Amino acid sequence: MSRSHLTNVQAAALIDAHKSINHGGLKEVSAHRGTVWVGQHPDCTQEHSSIVVTWLRYACLLDRSGRKPTRTAIITNEGLLEIDMLGAEA
């Protein structure tokens, strides 16, 4: 089986997007350290940097929509396949 090419930080953001698939995905919010992304599932508490979400978007693992400051990012079919490679249970 293939191994994922994601870093731990990228994998964490993708797993939160997967957990939040039925809750609106990741949402862009303002925080004390700038703009971050947070999963909308109640169990998601980690903040993900914009650079991580942007990288996942360019890798076609997330699809971003909306305009600042109300953007959201949802997992794509490619992202779901990547989750399978991670072996993550979300």
PDB file of N, CA and C in Angstrom:
ATOM      1  N   MET A   1       0.842  -1.181   0.000  1.00  0.00           N
ATOM      2  CA  MET A   1       0.000   0.000   0.000  1.00  0.00           C
ATOM      3  C   MET A   1       0.886   1.243   0.000  1.00  0.00           C
ATOM      4  N   SER A   2       0.476   2.260  -0.686  1.00  0.00           N
ATOM      5  CA  SER A   2       1.229   3.512  -0.773  1.00  0.00           C
ATOM      6  C   SER A   2       1.196   4.256   0.550  1.00  0.00           C
ATOM      7  N   ARG A   3       2.279   4.952   0.834  1.00  0.00           N
ATOM      8  CA  ARG A   3       2.352   5.799   2.015  1.00  0.00           C
ATOM      9  C   ARG A   3       1.975   7.225   1.622  1.00  0.00           C
ATOM     10  N   SER A   4       1.376   7.919   2.553  1.00  0.00           N
ATOM     11  CA  SER A   4       0.996   9.305   2.319  1.00  0.00           C
ATOM     12  C   SER A   4       2.246  10.178   2.227  1.00  0.00           C
ATOM     13  N   HIS A   5       2.184  11.209   1.426  1.00  0.00           N
ATOM     14  CA  HIS A   5       3.282  12.153   1.282  1.00  0.00           C
ATOM     15  C   HIS A   5       3.072  13.408   2.131  1.00  0.00           C
ATOM     16  N   LEU A   6       2.076  13.412   2.995  1.00  0.00           N
ATOM     17  CA  LEU A   6       1.747  14.591   3.793  1.00  0.00           C
ATOM     18  C   LEU A   6       2.586  14.669   5.065  1.00  0.00           C
ATOM     19  N   THR A   7       2.863  15.901   5.492  1.00  0.00           N
ATOM     20  CA  THR A   7       3.483  16.109   6.798  1.00  0.00           C
ATOM     21  C   THR A   7       2.421  15.892   7.870  1.00  0.00           C
ATOM     22  N   ASN A   8       2.837  15.810   9.114  1.00  0.00           N
ATOM     23  CA  ASN A   8       1.884  15.644  10.219  1.00  0.00           C
ATOM     24  C   ASN A   8       0.907  16.807  10.304  1.00  0.00           C
ATOM     25  N   VAL A   9       1.394  18.022  10.054  1.00  0.00           N
ATOM     26  CA  VAL A   9       0.545  19.215  10.107  1.00  0.00           C
ATOM     27  C   VAL A   9      -0.492  19.182   8.988  1.00  0.00           C
ATOM     28  N   GLN A  10      -0.075  18.815   7.790  1.00  0.00           N
ATOM     29  CA  GLN A  10      -1.003  18.719   6.657  1.00  0.00           C
ATOM     30  C   GLN A  10      -2.021  17.610   6.895  1.00  0.00           C
ATOM     31  N   ALA A  11      -1.561  16.473   7.403  1.00  0.00           N
ATOM     32  CA  ALA A  11      -2.461  15.348   7.680  1.00  0.00           C
ATOM     33  C   ALA A  11      -3.498  15.736   8.729  1.00  0.00           C
ATOM     34  N   ALA A  12      -3.089  16.471   9.754  1.00  0.00           N
ATOM     35  CA  ALA A  12      -4.027  16.891  10.805  1.00  0.00           C
ATOM     36  C   ALA A  12      -5.135  17.776  10.234  1.00  0.00           C
ATOM     37  N   ALA A  13      -4.782  18.691   9.348  1.00  0.00           N
ATOM     38  CA  ALA A  13      -5.793  19.566   8.730  1.00  0.00           C
ATOM     39  C   ALA A  13      -6.729  18.752   7.847  1.00  0.00           C
ATOM     40  N   LEU A  14      -6.187  17.807   7.094  1.00  0.00           N
ATOM     41  CA  LEU A  14      -7.022  16.983   6.223  1.00  0.00           C
ATOM     42  C   LEU A  14      -7.951  16.089   7.038  1.00  0.00           C
ATOM     43  N   ILE A  15      -7.457  15.557   8.153  1.00  0.00           N
ATOM     44  CA  ILE A  15      -8.296  14.727   9.026  1.00  0.00           C
ATOM     45  C   ILE A  15      -9.427  15.563   9.623  1.00  0.00           C
ATOM     46  N   ASP A  16      -9.136  16.796  10.042  1.00  0.00           N
ATOM     47  CA  ASP A  16     -10.201  17.671  10.560  1.00  0.00           C
ATOM     48  C   ASP A  16     -11.227  18.000   9.475  1.00  0.00           C
ATOM     49  N   ALA A  17     -10.759  18.191   8.239  1.00  0.00           N
ATOM     50  CA  ALA A  17     -11.699  18.437   7.130  1.00  0.00           C
ATOM     51  C   ALA A  17     -12.583  17.215   6.916  1.00  0.00           C
ATOM     52  N   HIS A  18     -12.000  16.031   7.067  1.00  0.00           N
ATOM     53  CA  HIS A  18     -12.777  14.795   6.914  1.00  0.00           C
ATOM     54  C   HIS A  18     -13.792  14.643   8.041  1.00  0.00           C
ATOM     55  N   LYS A  19     -13.376  14.912   9.268  1.00  0.00           N
ATOM     56  CA  LYS A  19     -14.308  14.857  10.407  1.00  0.00           C
ATOM     57  C   LYS A  19     -15.456  15.839  10.217  1.00  0.00           C
ATOM     58  N   SER A  20     -15.168  16.957   9.579  1.00  0.00           N
ATOM     59  CA  SER A  20     -16.152  18.036   9.436  1.00  0.00           C
ATOM     60  C   SER A  20     -16.938  17.963   8.134  1.00  0.00           C
ATOM     61  N   ILE A  21     -16.846  16.859   7.420  1.00  0.00           N
ATOM     62  CA  ILE A  21     -17.470  16.736   6.096  1.00  0.00           C
ATOM     63  C   ILE A  21     -18.975  17.024   6.138  1.00  0.00           C
ATOM     64  N   ASN A  22     -19.646  16.638   7.214  1.00  0.00           N
ATOM     65  CA  ASN A  22     -21.089  16.877   7.337  1.00  0.00           C
ATOM     66  C   ASN A  22     -21.409  18.084   8.213  1.00  0.00           C
ATOM     67  N   HIS A  23     -20.387  18.872   8.537  1.00  0.00           N
ATOM     68  CA  HIS A  23     -20.563  20.034   9.420  1.00  0.00           C
ATOM     69  C   HIS A  23     -20.114  21.331   8.767  1.00  0.00           C
ATOM     70  N   GLY A  24     -19.854  21.308   7.478  1.00  0.00           N
ATOM     71  CA  GLY A  24     -19.455  22.525   6.775  1.00  0.00           C
ATOM     72  C   GLY A  24     -17.974  22.625   6.474  1.00  0.00           C
ATOM     73  N   GLY A  25     -17.199  21.599   6.792  1.00  0.00           N
ATOM     74  CA  GLY A  25     -15.774  21.595   6.474  1.00  0.00           C
ATOM     75  C   GLY A  25     -14.958  22.457   7.414  1.00  0.00           C
ATOM     76  N   LEU A  26     -13.845  22.963   6.912  1.00  0.00           N
ATOM     77  CA  LEU A  26     -13.003  23.882   7.675  1.00  0.00           C
ATOM     78  C   LEU A  26     -13.506  25.299   7.438  1.00  0.00           C
ATOM     79  N   LYS A  27     -13.468  26.129   8.472  1.00  0.00           N
ATOM     80  CA  LYS A  27     -13.924  27.506   8.362  1.00  0.00           C
ATOM     81  C   LYS A  27     -12.768  28.441   8.698  1.00  0.00           C
ATOM     82  N   GLU A  28     -12.637  29.492   7.918  1.00  0.00           N
ATOM     83  CA  GLU A  28     -11.605  30.496   8.152  1.00  0.00           C
ATOM     84  C   GLU A  28     -12.071  31.434   9.258  1.00  0.00           C
ATOM     85  N   VAL A  29     -11.223  31.636  10.252  1.00  0.00           N
ATOM     86  CA  VAL A  29     -11.560  32.518  11.371  1.00  0.00           C
ATOM     87  C   VAL A  29     -10.363  33.389  11.728  1.00  0.00           C
ATOM     88  N   SER A  30     -10.636  34.530  12.331  1.00  0.00           N
ATOM     89  CA  SER A  30      -9.565  35.394  12.820  1.00  0.00           C
ATOM     90  C   SER A  30      -9.182  34.937  14.217  1.00  0.00           C
ATOM     91  N   ALA A  31      -7.880  34.870  14.460  1.00  0.00           N
ATOM     92  CA  ALA A  31      -7.373  34.453  15.770  1.00  0.00           C
ATOM     93  C   ALA A  31      -6.297  35.429  16.210  1.00  0.00           C
ATOM     94  N   HIS A  32      -5.793  35.235  17.414  1.00  0.00           N
ATOM     95  CA  HIS A  32      -4.767  36.130  17.955  1.00  0.00           C
ATOM     96  C   HIS A  32      -3.501  36.132  17.111  1.00  0.00           C
ATOM     97  N   ARG A  33      -3.240  35.054  16.381  1.00  0.00           N
ATOM     98  CA  ARG A  33      -2.029  34.983  15.555  1.00  0.00           C
ATOM     99  C   ARG A  33      -2.308  35.171  14.066  1.00  0.00           C
ATOM    100  N   GLY A  34      -3.463  35.685  13.737  1.00  0.00           N
ATOM    101  CA  GLY A  34      -3.822  35.912  12.342  1.00  0.00           C
ATOM    102  C   GLY A  34      -4.982  35.026  11.921  1.00  0.00           C
ATOM    103  N   THR A  35      -5.124  34.842  10.634  1.00  0.00           N
ATOM    104  CA  THR A  35      -6.202  34.016  10.105  1.00  0.00           C
ATOM    105  C   THR A  35      -5.821  32.544  10.186  1.00  0.00           C
ATOM    106  N   VAL A  36      -6.727  31.738  10.721  1.00  0.00           N
ATOM    107  CA  VAL A  36      -6.521  30.292  10.823  1.00  0.00           C
ATOM    108  C   VAL A  36      -7.778  29.579  10.345  1.00  0.00           C
ATOM    109  N   TRP A  37      -7.686  28.284  10.195  1.00  0.00           N
ATOM    110  CA  TRP A  37      -8.802  27.446   9.770  1.00  0.00           C
ATOM    111  C   TRP A  37      -9.105  26.443  10.872  1.00  0.00           C
ATOM    112  N   VAL A  38     -10.397  26.246  11.151  1.00  0.00           N
ATOM    113  CA  VAL A  38     -10.820  25.338  12.206  1.00  0.00           C
ATOM    114  C   VAL A  38     -11.918  24.435  11.659  1.00  0.00           C
ATOM    115  N   GLY A  39     -11.832  23.145  11.994  1.00  0.00           N
ATOM    116  CA  GLY A  39     -12.870  22.204  11.600  1.00  0.00           C
ATOM    117  C   GLY A  39     -14.170  22.497  12.313  1.00  0.00           C
ATOM    118  N   GLN A  40     -15.282  22.320  11.626  1.00  0.00           N
ATOM    119  CA  GLN A  40     -16.591  22.635  12.193  1.00  0.00           C
ATOM    120  C   GLN A  40     -17.201  21.486  12.989  1.00  0.00           C
ATOM    121  N   HIS A  41     -16.578  20.314  12.963  1.00  0.00           N
ATOM    122  CA  HIS A  41     -17.036  19.198  13.798  1.00  0.00           C
ATOM    123  C   HIS A  41     -16.757  19.555  15.258  1.00  0.00           C
ATOM    124  N   PRO A  42     -17.658  19.203  16.174  1.00  0.00           N
ATOM    125  CA  PRO A  42     -17.469  19.564  17.580  1.00  0.00           C
ATOM    126  C   PRO A  42     -16.157  19.054  18.192  1.00  0.00           C
ATOM    127  N   ASP A  43     -15.605  17.957  17.686  1.00  0.00           N
ATOM    128  CA  ASP A  43     -14.355  17.411  18.222  1.00  0.00           C
ATOM    129  C   ASP A  43     -13.107  18.116  17.695  1.00  0.00           C
ATOM    130  N   CYS A  44     -13.259  18.998  16.729  1.00  0.00           N
ATOM    131  CA  CYS A  44     -12.106  19.683  16.123  1.00  0.00           C
ATOM    132  C   CYS A  44     -11.782  20.946  16.913  1.00  0.00           C
ATOM    133  N   THR A  45     -10.596  20.968  17.523  1.00  0.00           N
ATOM    134  CA  THR A  45     -10.189  22.120  18.325  1.00  0.00           C
ATOM    135  C   THR A  45      -8.880  22.726  17.835  1.00  0.00           C
ATOM    136  N   GLN A  46      -8.191  22.048  16.948  1.00  0.00           N
ATOM    137  CA  GLN A  46      -6.893  22.526  16.469  1.00  0.00           C
ATOM    138  C   GLN A  46      -7.065  23.609  15.419  1.00  0.00           C
ATOM    139  N   GLU A  47      -6.209  24.631  15.497  1.00  0.00           N
ATOM    140  CA  GLU A  47      -6.176  25.687  14.484  1.00  0.00           C
ATOM    141  C   GLU A  47      -5.152  25.300  13.424  1.00  0.00           C
ATOM    142  N   HIS A  48      -5.516  25.477  12.148  1.00  0.00           N
ATOM    143  CA  HIS A  48      -4.632  25.142  11.032  1.00  0.00           C
ATOM    144  C   HIS A  48      -4.263  26.427  10.294  1.00  0.00           C
ATOM    145  N   SER A  49      -2.997  26.572   9.974  1.00  0.00           N
ATOM    146  CA  SER A  49      -2.543  27.797   9.316  1.00  0.00           C
ATOM    147  C   SER A  49      -3.060  27.884   7.884  1.00  0.00           C
ATOM    148  N   SER A  50      -3.141  29.108   7.397  1.00  0.00           N
ATOM    149  CA  SER A  50      -3.600  29.340   6.025  1.00  0.00           C
ATOM    150  C   SER A  50      -2.676  28.689   5.009  1.00  0.00           C
ATOM    151  N   ILE A  51      -1.372  28.657   5.285  1.00  0.00           N
ATOM    152  CA  ILE A  51      -0.435  28.069   4.339  1.00  0.00           C
ATOM    153  C   ILE A  51      -0.690  26.573   4.174  1.00  0.00           C
ATOM    154  N   VAL A  52      -1.068  25.902   5.248  1.00  0.00           N
ATOM    155  CA  VAL A  52      -1.366  24.469   5.171  1.00  0.00           C
ATOM    156  C   VAL A  52      -2.614  24.232   4.328  1.00  0.00           C
ATOM    157  N   VAL A  53      -3.658  25.013   4.582  1.00  0.00           N
ATOM    158  CA  VAL A  53      -4.904  24.860   3.815  1.00  0.00           C
ATOM    159  C   VAL A  53      -4.660  25.207   2.347  1.00  0.00           C
ATOM    160  N   THR A  54      -3.872  26.237   2.085  1.00  0.00           N
ATOM    161  CA  THR A  54      -3.547  26.598   0.708  1.00  0.00           C
ATOM    162  C   THR A  54      -2.786  25.471   0.018  1.00  0.00           C
ATOM    163  N   TRP A  55      -1.820  24.862   0.699  1.00  0.00           N
ATOM    164  CA  TRP A  55      -1.063  23.750   0.115  1.00  0.00           C
ATOM    165  C   TRP A  55      -2.001  22.587  -0.203  1.00  0.00           C
ATOM    166  N   LEU A  56      -2.906  22.249   0.731  1.00  0.00           N
ATOM    167  CA  LEU A  56      -3.851  21.154   0.499  1.00  0.00           C
ATOM    168  C   LEU A  56      -4.784  21.471  -0.673  1.00  0.00           C
ATOM    169  N   ARG A  57      -5.115  22.735  -0.823  1.00  0.00           N
ATOM    170  CA  ARG A  57      -5.952  23.152  -1.956  1.00  0.00           C
ATOM    171  C   ARG A  57      -5.190  22.978  -3.267  1.00  0.00           C
ATOM    172  N   TYR A  58      -3.936  23.414  -3.317  1.00  0.00           N
ATOM    173  CA  TYR A  58      -3.140  23.270  -4.539  1.00  0.00           C
ATOM    174  C   TYR A  58      -2.859  21.806  -4.872  1.00  0.00           C
ATOM    175  N   ALA A  59      -2.850  20.949  -3.845  1.00  0.00           N
ATOM    176  CA  ALA A  59      -2.673  19.515  -4.054  1.00  0.00           C
ATOM    177  C   ALA A  59      -3.992  18.833  -4.412  1.00  0.00           C
ATOM    178  N   CYS A  60      -5.066  19.627  -4.537  1.00  0.00           N
ATOM    179  CA  CYS A  60      -6.416  19.145  -4.892  1.00  0.00           C
ATOM    180  C   CYS A  60      -7.016  18.236  -3.821  1.00  0.00           C
ATOM    181  N   LEU A  61      -6.590  18.400  -2.586  1.00  0.00           N
ATOM    182  CA  LEU A  61      -7.138  17.605  -1.490  1.00  0.00           C
ATOM    183  C   LEU A  61      -8.261  18.335  -0.765  1.00  0.00           C
ATOM    184  N   LEU A  62      -8.292  19.656  -0.896  1.00  0.00           N
ATOM    185  CA  LEU A  62      -9.367  20.486  -0.360  1.00  0.00           C
ATOM    186  C   LEU A  62      -9.880  21.395  -1.464  1.00  0.00           C
ATOM    187  N   ASP A  63     -11.144  21.768  -1.358  1.00  0.00           N
ATOM    188  CA  ASP A  63     -11.746  22.744  -2.267  1.00  0.00           C
ATOM    189  C   ASP A  63     -12.212  23.916  -1.414  1.00  0.00           C
ATOM    190  N   ARG A  64     -11.727  25.106  -1.716  1.00  0.00           N
ATOM    191  CA  ARG A  64     -12.052  26.302  -0.938  1.00  0.00           C
ATOM    192  C   ARG A  64     -13.120  27.104  -1.670  1.00  0.00           C
ATOM    193  N   SER A  65     -14.047  27.685  -0.902  1.00  0.00           N
ATOM    194  CA  SER A  65     -15.084  28.512  -1.519  1.00  0.00           C
ATOM    195  C   SER A  65     -15.383  29.707  -0.631  1.00  0.00           C
ATOM    196  N   GLY A  66     -16.018  30.697  -1.218  1.00  0.00           N
ATOM    197  CA  GLY A  66     -16.395  31.902  -0.490  1.00  0.00           C
ATOM    198  C   GLY A  66     -15.327  32.974  -0.585  1.00  0.00           C
ATOM    199  N   ARG A  67     -15.605  34.082   0.086  1.00  0.00           N
ATOM    200  CA  ARG A  67     -14.684  35.218   0.135  1.00  0.00           C
ATOM    201  C   ARG A  67     -14.343  35.524   1.583  1.00  0.00           C
ATOM    202  N   LYS A  68     -13.142  36.091   1.774  1.00  0.00           N
ATOM    203  CA  LYS A  68     -12.755  36.488   3.130  1.00  0.00           C
ATOM    204  C   LYS A  68     -13.818  37.402   3.693  1.00  0.00           C
ATOM    205  N   PRO A  69     -14.179  37.309   4.904  1.00  0.00           N
ATOM    206  CA  PRO A  69     -13.662  36.436   5.956  1.00  0.00           C
ATOM    207  C   PRO A  69     -14.530  35.207   6.183  1.00  0.00           C
ATOM    208  N   THR A  70     -15.349  34.832   5.243  1.00  0.00           N
ATOM    209  CA  THR A  70     -16.283  33.710   5.460  1.00  0.00           C
ATOM    210  C   THR A  70     -15.989  32.524   4.544  1.00  0.00           C
ATOM    211  N   ARG A  71     -14.720  32.264   4.277  1.00  0.00           N
ATOM    212  CA  ARG A  71     -14.373  31.145   3.400  1.00  0.00           C
ATOM    213  C   ARG A  71     -14.476  29.815   4.135  1.00  0.00           C
ATOM    214  N   THR A  72     -14.754  28.782   3.365  1.00  0.00           N
ATOM    215  CA  THR A  72     -14.773  27.419   3.882  1.00  0.00           C
ATOM    216  C   THR A  72     -13.941  26.539   2.963  1.00  0.00           C
ATOM    217  N   ALA A  73     -13.493  25.424   3.493  1.00  0.00           N
ATOM    218  CA  ALA A  73     -12.739  24.449   2.708  1.00  0.00           C
ATOM    219  C   ALA A  73     -13.305  23.066   3.013  1.00  0.00           C
ATOM    220  N   ILE A  74     -13.631  22.324   1.957  1.00  0.00           N
ATOM    221  CA  ILE A  74     -14.165  20.979   2.138  1.00  0.00           C
ATOM    222  C   ILE A  74     -13.236  19.973   1.464  1.00  0.00           C
ATOM    223  N   ILE A  75     -13.260  18.775   1.966  1.00  0.00           N
ATOM    224  CA  ILE A  75     -12.402  17.724   1.435  1.00  0.00           C
ATOM    225  C   ILE A  75     -12.919  17.282   0.059  1.00  0.00           C
ATOM    226  N   THR A  76     -11.991  16.992  -0.833  1.00  0.00           N
ATOM    227  CA  THR A  76     -12.339  16.527  -2.179  1.00  0.00           C
ATOM    228  C   THR A  76     -12.269  15.001  -2.236  1.00  0.00           C
ATOM    229  N   ASN A  77     -12.653  14.436  -3.374  1.00  0.00           N
ATOM    230  CA  ASN A  77     -12.525  12.988  -3.553  1.00  0.00           C
ATOM    231  C   ASN A  77     -11.067  12.554  -3.434  1.00  0.00           C
ATOM    232  N   GLU A  78     -10.153  13.367  -3.969  1.00  0.00           N
ATOM    233  CA  GLU A  78      -8.725  13.062  -3.841  1.00  0.00           C
ATOM    234  C   GLU A  78      -8.303  13.097  -2.379  1.00  0.00           C
ATOM    235  N   GLY A  79      -8.875  14.034  -1.630  1.00  0.00           N
ATOM    236  CA  GLY A  79      -8.597  14.113  -0.205  1.00  0.00           C
ATOM    237  C   GLY A  79      -9.085  12.876   0.543  1.00  0.00           C
ATOM    238  N   LEU A  80     -10.246  12.376   0.148  1.00  0.00           N
ATOM    239  CA  LEU A  80     -10.771  11.153   0.763  1.00  0.00           C
ATOM    240  C   LEU A  80      -9.859   9.964   0.478  1.00  0.00           C
ATOM    241  N   LEU A  81      -9.321   9.897  -0.735  1.00  0.00           N
ATOM    242  CA  LEU A  81      -8.374   8.824  -1.064  1.00  0.00           C
ATOM    243  C   LEU A  81      -7.109   8.952  -0.219  1.00  0.00           C
ATOM    244  N   GLU A  82      -6.660  10.173  -0.010  1.00  0.00           N
ATOM    245  CA  GLU A  82      -5.474  10.413   0.823  1.00  0.00           C
ATOM    246  C   GLU A  82      -5.733   9.980   2.261  1.00  0.00           C
ATOM    247  N   ILE A  83      -6.937  10.247   2.768  1.00  0.00           N
ATOM    248  CA  ILE A  83      -7.321   9.796   4.108  1.00  0.00           C
ATOM    249  C   ILE A  83      -7.225   8.274   4.184  1.00  0.00           C
ATOM    250  N   ASP A  84      -7.672   7.589   3.147  1.00  0.00           N
ATOM    251  CA  ASP A  84      -7.564   6.126   3.115  1.00  0.00           C
ATOM    252  C   ASP A  84      -6.107   5.685   3.200  1.00  0.00           C
ATOM    253  N   MET A  85      -5.214   6.398   2.509  1.00  0.00           N
ATOM    254  CA  MET A  85      -3.794   6.056   2.565  1.00  0.00           C
ATOM    255  C   MET A  85      -3.211   6.328   3.947  1.00  0.00           C
ATOM    256  N   LEU A  86      -3.722   7.350   4.621  1.00  0.00           N
ATOM    257  CA  LEU A  86      -3.262   7.646   5.976  1.00  0.00           C
ATOM    258  C   LEU A  86      -3.712   6.583   6.964  1.00  0.00           C
ATOM    259  N   GLY A  87      -4.816   5.913   6.616  1.00  0.00           N
ATOM    260  CA  GLY A  87      -5.382   4.940   7.543  1.00  0.00           C
ATOM    261  C   GLY A  87      -6.071   5.623   8.713  1.00  0.00           C
ATOM    262  N   ALA A  88      -6.449   6.877   8.518  1.00  0.00           N
ATOM    263  CA  ALA A  88      -7.057   7.656   9.596  1.00  0.00           C
ATOM    264  C   ALA A  88      -8.524   7.304   9.760  1.00  0.00           C
ATOM    265  N   GLU A  89      -8.926   7.223  10.983  1.00  0.00           N
ATOM    266  CA  GLU A  89     -10.338   7.031  11.299  1.00  0.00           C
ATOM    267  C   GLU A  89     -10.874   8.375  11.735  1.00  0.00           C
ATOM    268  N   ALA A  90     -11.754   8.939  10.931  1.00  0.00           N
ATOM    269  CA  ALA A  90     -12.315  10.246  11.280  1.00  0.00           C
ATOM    270  C   ALA A  90     -13.811  10.159  11.367  1.00  0.00           C
TER     271      ALA A  90
END
